[in-house]
Amino acid sequence: MRINAHLDELVKAMAMYKKDFEMRIYPNAAHAFFNDTTSLYNEVAAKDAWKRVLWFFQRTLADA
């Protein structure tokens, strides 16, 4: 089963429970696109994803 087979259910659940949620699909990125030690590494997608991770941490952990 593909990792994104049930994304519609995930989005519905996140909305129903009012969770802070952003979904990003990188069309040209394989499963391990963030791993810069393999041929699957996608620099553009990885840099964007990392920027989003840091922003998420800043927003959600600032008061922790």
PDB file of N, CA and C in Angstrom:
ATOM      1  N   MET A   1       0.846  -1.179   0.000  1.00  0.00           N
ATOM      2  CA  MET A   1       0.000   0.000   0.000  1.00  0.00           C
ATOM      3  C   MET A   1       0.895   1.246   0.000  1.00  0.00           C
ATOM      4  N   ARG A   2       0.526   2.201  -0.776  1.00  0.00           N
ATOM      5  CA  ARG A   2       1.282   3.449  -0.842  1.00  0.00           C
ATOM      6  C   ARG A   2       1.051   4.273   0.422  1.00  0.00           C
ATOM      7  N   ILE A   3       2.057   5.027   0.805  1.00  0.00           N
ATOM      8  CA  ILE A   3       1.985   5.828   2.020  1.00  0.00           C
ATOM      9  C   ILE A   3       0.872   6.880   1.957  1.00  0.00           C
ATOM     10  N   ASN A   4       0.520   7.301   0.756  1.00  0.00           N
ATOM     11  CA  ASN A   4      -0.496   8.340   0.629  1.00  0.00           C
ATOM     12  C   ASN A   4      -1.874   7.798   0.238  1.00  0.00           C
ATOM     13  N   ALA A   5      -2.097   6.504   0.410  1.00  0.00           N
ATOM     14  CA  ALA A   5      -3.355   5.880   0.004  1.00  0.00           C
ATOM     15  C   ALA A   5      -4.563   6.405   0.783  1.00  0.00           C
ATOM     16  N   HIS A   6      -4.357   6.873   1.993  1.00  0.00           N
ATOM     17  CA  HIS A   6      -5.486   7.310   2.828  1.00  0.00           C
ATOM     18  C   HIS A   6      -5.362   8.773   3.254  1.00  0.00           C
ATOM     19  N   LEU A   7      -4.755   9.578   2.415  1.00  0.00           N
ATOM     20  CA  LEU A   7      -4.577  10.982   2.772  1.00  0.00           C
ATOM     21  C   LEU A   7      -5.900  11.711   2.961  1.00  0.00           C
ATOM     22  N   ASP A   8      -6.905  11.345   2.181  1.00  0.00           N
ATOM     23  CA  ASP A   8      -8.199  12.003   2.330  1.00  0.00           C
ATOM     24  C   ASP A   8      -8.770  11.776   3.725  1.00  0.00           C
ATOM     25  N   GLU A   9      -8.611  10.580   4.259  1.00  0.00           N
ATOM     26  CA  GLU A   9      -9.090  10.277   5.613  1.00  0.00           C
ATOM     27  C   GLU A   9      -8.283  11.053   6.656  1.00  0.00           C
ATOM     28  N   LEU A  10      -6.995  11.164   6.442  1.00  0.00           N
ATOM     29  CA  LEU A  10      -6.138  11.916   7.360  1.00  0.00           C
ATOM     30  C   LEU A  10      -6.558  13.379   7.407  1.00  0.00           C
ATOM     31  N   VAL A  11      -6.760  13.971   6.245  1.00  0.00           N
ATOM     32  CA  VAL A  11      -7.158  15.387   6.185  1.00  0.00           C
ATOM     33  C   VAL A  11      -8.499  15.590   6.886  1.00  0.00           C
ATOM     34  N   LYS A  12      -9.445  14.714   6.655  1.00  0.00           N
ATOM     35  CA  LYS A  12     -10.754  14.822   7.316  1.00  0.00           C
ATOM     36  C   LYS A  12     -10.610  14.730   8.834  1.00  0.00           C
ATOM     37  N   ALA A  13      -9.812  13.790   9.311  1.00  0.00           N
ATOM     38  CA  ALA A  13      -9.621  13.618  10.753  1.00  0.00           C
ATOM     39  C   ALA A  13      -8.931  14.831  11.369  1.00  0.00           C
ATOM     40  N   MET A  14      -7.922  15.356  10.703  1.00  0.00           N
ATOM     41  CA  MET A  14      -7.225  16.535  11.236  1.00  0.00           C
ATOM     42  C   MET A  14      -8.176  17.720  11.324  1.00  0.00           C
ATOM     43  N   ALA A  15      -9.020  17.891  10.329  1.00  0.00           N
ATOM     44  CA  ALA A  15     -10.003  18.979  10.355  1.00  0.00           C
ATOM     45  C   ALA A  15     -11.049  18.750  11.443  1.00  0.00           C
ATOM     46  N   MET A  16     -11.531  17.518  11.564  1.00  0.00           N
ATOM     47  CA  MET A  16     -12.557  17.209  12.558  1.00  0.00           C
ATOM     48  C   MET A  16     -12.058  17.486  13.979  1.00  0.00           C
ATOM     49  N   TYR A  17     -10.804  17.164  14.240  1.00  0.00           N
ATOM     50  CA  TYR A  17     -10.244  17.364  15.579  1.00  0.00           C
ATOM     51  C   TYR A  17      -9.506  18.695  15.718  1.00  0.00           C
ATOM     52  N   LYS A  18      -9.652  19.550  14.695  1.00  0.00           N
ATOM     53  CA  LYS A  18      -9.109  20.912  14.715  1.00  0.00           C
ATOM     54  C   LYS A  18      -7.605  20.937  15.032  1.00  0.00           C
ATOM     55  N   LYS A  19      -6.872  20.122  14.315  1.00  0.00           N
ATOM     56  CA  LYS A  19      -5.420  20.039  14.507  1.00  0.00           C
ATOM     57  C   LYS A  19      -4.692  20.953  13.537  1.00  0.00           C
ATOM     58  N   ASP A  20      -3.601  21.514  13.998  1.00  0.00           N
ATOM     59  CA  ASP A  20      -2.734  22.329  13.161  1.00  0.00           C
ATOM     60  C   ASP A  20      -2.057  21.383  12.174  1.00  0.00           C
ATOM     61  N   PHE A  21      -2.331  21.566  10.897  1.00  0.00           N
ATOM     62  CA  PHE A  21      -1.916  20.555   9.932  1.00  0.00           C
ATOM     63  C   PHE A  21      -1.646  21.190   8.576  1.00  0.00           C
ATOM     64  N   GLU A  22      -0.534  20.839   8.004  1.00  0.00           N
ATOM     65  CA  GLU A  22      -0.225  21.241   6.635  1.00  0.00           C
ATOM     66  C   GLU A  22       0.327  20.023   5.915  1.00  0.00           C
ATOM     67  N   MET A  23      -0.260  19.700   4.799  1.00  0.00           N
ATOM     68  CA  MET A  23       0.207  18.565   4.026  1.00  0.00           C
ATOM     69  C   MET A  23       0.915  19.093   2.781  1.00  0.00           C
ATOM     70  N   ARG A  24       2.068  18.551   2.514  1.00  0.00           N
ATOM     71  CA  ARG A  24       2.842  18.965   1.343  1.00  0.00           C
ATOM     72  C   ARG A  24       3.270  17.708   0.609  1.00  0.00           C
ATOM     73  N   ILE A  25       2.952  17.635  -0.654  1.00  0.00           N
ATOM     74  CA  ILE A  25       3.376  16.516  -1.487  1.00  0.00           C
ATOM     75  C   ILE A  25       4.369  17.061  -2.501  1.00  0.00           C
ATOM     76  N   TYR A  26       5.527  16.454  -2.545  1.00  0.00           N
ATOM     77  CA  TYR A  26       6.564  16.846  -3.493  1.00  0.00           C
ATOM     78  C   TYR A  26       6.506  15.862  -4.668  1.00  0.00           C
ATOM     79  N   PRO A  27       5.929  16.276  -5.797  1.00  0.00           N
ATOM     80  CA  PRO A  27       5.680  15.348  -6.909  1.00  0.00           C
ATOM     81  C   PRO A  27       6.922  14.623  -7.432  1.00  0.00           C
ATOM     82  N   ASN A  28       8.060  15.253  -7.424  1.00  0.00           N
ATOM     83  CA  ASN A  28       9.262  14.624  -7.973  1.00  0.00           C
ATOM     84  C   ASN A  28      10.186  14.071  -6.897  1.00  0.00           C
ATOM     85  N   ALA A  29       9.645  13.811  -5.728  1.00  0.00           N
ATOM     86  CA  ALA A  29      10.467  13.321  -4.625  1.00  0.00           C
ATOM     87  C   ALA A  29      10.048  11.903  -4.237  1.00  0.00           C
ATOM     88  N   ALA A  30      11.028  11.032  -4.131  1.00  0.00           N
ATOM     89  CA  ALA A  30      10.777   9.654  -3.710  1.00  0.00           C
ATOM     90  C   ALA A  30      10.668   9.579  -2.188  1.00  0.00           C
ATOM     91  N   HIS A  31      10.393   8.399  -1.674  1.00  0.00           N
ATOM     92  CA  HIS A  31      10.171   8.205  -0.235  1.00  0.00           C
ATOM     93  C   HIS A  31      11.313   8.755   0.623  1.00  0.00           C
ATOM     94  N   ALA A  32      12.538   8.512   0.258  1.00  0.00           N
ATOM     95  CA  ALA A  32      13.685   8.936   1.075  1.00  0.00           C
ATOM     96  C   ALA A  32      14.320  10.218   0.535  1.00  0.00           C
ATOM     97  N   PHE A  33      13.507  11.136   0.072  1.00  0.00           N
ATOM     98  CA  PHE A  33      14.040  12.337  -0.586  1.00  0.00           C
ATOM     99  C   PHE A  33      14.906  13.191   0.323  1.00  0.00           C
ATOM    100  N   PHE A  34      14.778  13.040   1.620  1.00  0.00           N
ATOM    101  CA  PHE A  34      15.520  13.865   2.575  1.00  0.00           C
ATOM    102  C   PHE A  34      16.900  13.290   2.896  1.00  0.00           C
ATOM    103  N   ASN A  35      17.130  12.059   2.524  1.00  0.00           N
ATOM    104  CA  ASN A  35      18.381  11.363   2.837  1.00  0.00           C
ATOM    105  C   ASN A  35      19.447  11.713   1.801  1.00  0.00           C
ATOM    106  N   ASP A  36      20.356  12.585   2.195  1.00  0.00           N
ATOM    107  CA  ASP A  36      21.361  13.058   1.238  1.00  0.00           C
ATOM    108  C   ASP A  36      22.507  12.077   1.006  1.00  0.00           C
ATOM    109  N   THR A  37      22.396  10.871   1.527  1.00  0.00           N
ATOM    110  CA  THR A  37      23.432   9.861   1.287  1.00  0.00           C
ATOM    111  C   THR A  37      22.997   8.856   0.229  1.00  0.00           C
ATOM    112  N   THR A  38      21.845   9.075  -0.389  1.00  0.00           N
ATOM    113  CA  THR A  38      21.352   8.148  -1.409  1.00  0.00           C
ATOM    114  C   THR A  38      21.055   8.896  -2.707  1.00  0.00           C
ATOM    115  N   SER A  39      20.825   8.127  -3.752  1.00  0.00           N
ATOM    116  CA  SER A  39      20.476   8.724  -5.039  1.00  0.00           C
ATOM    117  C   SER A  39      19.050   9.265  -5.055  1.00  0.00           C
ATOM    118  N   LEU A  40      18.271   8.980  -4.018  1.00  0.00           N
ATOM    119  CA  LEU A  40      16.889   9.459  -3.941  1.00  0.00           C
ATOM    120  C   LEU A  40      16.796  10.887  -3.413  1.00  0.00           C
ATOM    121  N   TYR A  41      17.901  11.415  -2.931  1.00  0.00           N
ATOM    122  CA  TYR A  41      17.916  12.765  -2.362  1.00  0.00           C
ATOM    123  C   TYR A  41      17.418  13.782  -3.389  1.00  0.00           C
ATOM    124  N   ASN A  42      16.505  14.638  -2.920  1.00  0.00           N
ATOM    125  CA  ASN A  42      15.968  15.707  -3.762  1.00  0.00           C
ATOM    126  C   ASN A  42      16.226  17.013  -3.030  1.00  0.00           C
ATOM    127  N   GLU A  43      17.239  17.727  -3.448  1.00  0.00           N
ATOM    128  CA  GLU A  43      17.682  18.917  -2.715  1.00  0.00           C
ATOM    129  C   GLU A  43      16.596  19.973  -2.598  1.00  0.00           C
ATOM    130  N   VAL A  44      15.887  20.245  -3.652  1.00  0.00           N
ATOM    131  CA  VAL A  44      14.841  21.283  -3.619  1.00  0.00           C
ATOM    132  C   VAL A  44      13.753  20.904  -2.615  1.00  0.00           C
ATOM    133  N   ALA A  45      13.266  19.682  -2.690  1.00  0.00           N
ATOM    134  CA  ALA A  45      12.225  19.227  -1.774  1.00  0.00           C
ATOM    135  C   ALA A  45      12.737  19.177  -0.337  1.00  0.00           C
ATOM    136  N   ALA A  46      13.952  18.696  -0.148  1.00  0.00           N
ATOM    137  CA  ALA A  46      14.515  18.587   1.197  1.00  0.00           C
ATOM    138  C   ALA A  46      14.678  19.956   1.849  1.00  0.00           C
ATOM    139  N   LYS A  47      15.158  20.929   1.101  1.00  0.00           N
ATOM    140  CA  LYS A  47      15.327  22.273   1.670  1.00  0.00           C
ATOM    141  C   LYS A  47      13.987  22.886   2.032  1.00  0.00           C
ATOM    142  N   ASP A  48      12.993  22.703   1.179  1.00  0.00           N
ATOM    143  CA  ASP A  48      11.666  23.228   1.488  1.00  0.00           C
ATOM    144  C   ASP A  48      11.065  22.521   2.699  1.00  0.00           C
ATOM    145  N   ALA A  49      11.196  21.208   2.748  1.00  0.00           N
ATOM    146  CA  ALA A  49      10.661  20.439   3.876  1.00  0.00           C
ATOM    147  C   ALA A  49      11.336  20.844   5.185  1.00  0.00           C
ATOM    148  N   TRP A  50      12.646  21.033   5.168  1.00  0.00           N
ATOM    149  CA  TRP A  50      13.369  21.415   6.379  1.00  0.00           C
ATOM    150  C   TRP A  50      12.919  22.792   6.867  1.00  0.00           C
ATOM    151  N   LYS A  51      12.735  23.719   5.937  1.00  0.00           N
ATOM    152  CA  LYS A  51      12.246  25.056   6.284  1.00  0.00           C
ATOM    153  C   LYS A  51      10.881  24.952   6.964  1.00  0.00           C
ATOM    154  N   ARG A  52      10.021  24.077   6.458  1.00  0.00           N
ATOM    155  CA  ARG A  52       8.684  23.897   7.027  1.00  0.00           C
ATOM    156  C   ARG A  52       8.735  23.225   8.398  1.00  0.00           C
ATOM    157  N   VAL A  53       9.649  22.272   8.578  1.00  0.00           N
ATOM    158  CA  VAL A  53       9.818  21.622   9.885  1.00  0.00           C
ATOM    159  C   VAL A  53      10.243  22.653  10.926  1.00  0.00           C
ATOM    160  N   LEU A  54      11.230  23.461  10.582  1.00  0.00           N
ATOM    161  CA  LEU A  54      11.704  24.482  11.531  1.00  0.00           C
ATOM    162  C   LEU A  54      10.608  25.481  11.867  1.00  0.00           C
ATOM    163  N   TRP A  55       9.837  25.894  10.866  1.00  0.00           N
ATOM    164  CA  TRP A  55       8.730  26.828  11.102  1.00  0.00           C
ATOM    165  C   TRP A  55       7.677  26.187  12.003  1.00  0.00           C
ATOM    166  N   PHE A  56       7.363  24.907  11.780  1.00  0.00           N
ATOM    167  CA  PHE A  56       6.404  24.194  12.624  1.00  0.00           C
ATOM    168  C   PHE A  56       6.896  24.151  14.072  1.00  0.00           C
ATOM    169  N   PHE A  57       8.158  23.813  14.274  1.00  0.00           N
ATOM    170  CA  PHE A  57       8.715  23.773  15.627  1.00  0.00           C
ATOM    171  C   PHE A  57       8.669  25.147  16.283  1.00  0.00           C
ATOM    172  N   GLN A  58       9.009  26.169  15.527  1.00  0.00           N
ATOM    173  CA  GLN A  58       8.994  27.534  16.071  1.00  0.00           C
ATOM    174  C   GLN A  58       7.581  27.916  16.514  1.00  0.00           C
ATOM    175  N   ARG A  59       6.592  27.596  15.701  1.00  0.00           N
ATOM    176  CA  ARG A  59       5.196  27.950  16.019  1.00  0.00           C
ATOM    177  C   ARG A  59       4.666  27.151  17.193  1.00  0.00           C
ATOM    178  N   THR A  60       4.968  25.871  17.226  1.00  0.00           N
ATOM    179  CA  THR A  60       4.311  25.002  18.196  1.00  0.00           C
ATOM    180  C   THR A  60       5.097  24.798  19.500  1.00  0.00           C
ATOM    181  N   LEU A  61       6.390  24.998  19.473  1.00  0.00           N
ATOM    182  CA  LEU A  61       7.194  24.751  20.658  1.00  0.00           C
ATOM    183  C   LEU A  61       7.701  26.019  21.330  1.00  0.00           C
ATOM    184  N   ALA A  62       7.349  27.163  20.795  1.00  0.00           N
ATOM    185  CA  ALA A  62       7.855  28.431  21.325  1.00  0.00           C
ATOM    186  C   ALA A  62       7.504  28.616  22.794  1.00  0.00           C
ATOM    187  N   ASP A  63       6.323  28.167  23.184  1.00  0.00           N
ATOM    188  CA  ASP A  63       5.885  28.363  24.565  1.00  0.00           C
ATOM    189  C   ASP A  63       6.059  27.123  25.412  1.00  0.00           C
ATOM    190  N   ALA A  64       6.673  26.098  24.868  1.00  0.00           N
ATOM    191  CA  ALA A  64       6.811  24.821  25.611  1.00  0.00           C
ATOM    192  C   ALA A  64       7.882  24.919  26.671  1.00  0.00           C
TER     193      ALA A  64
END
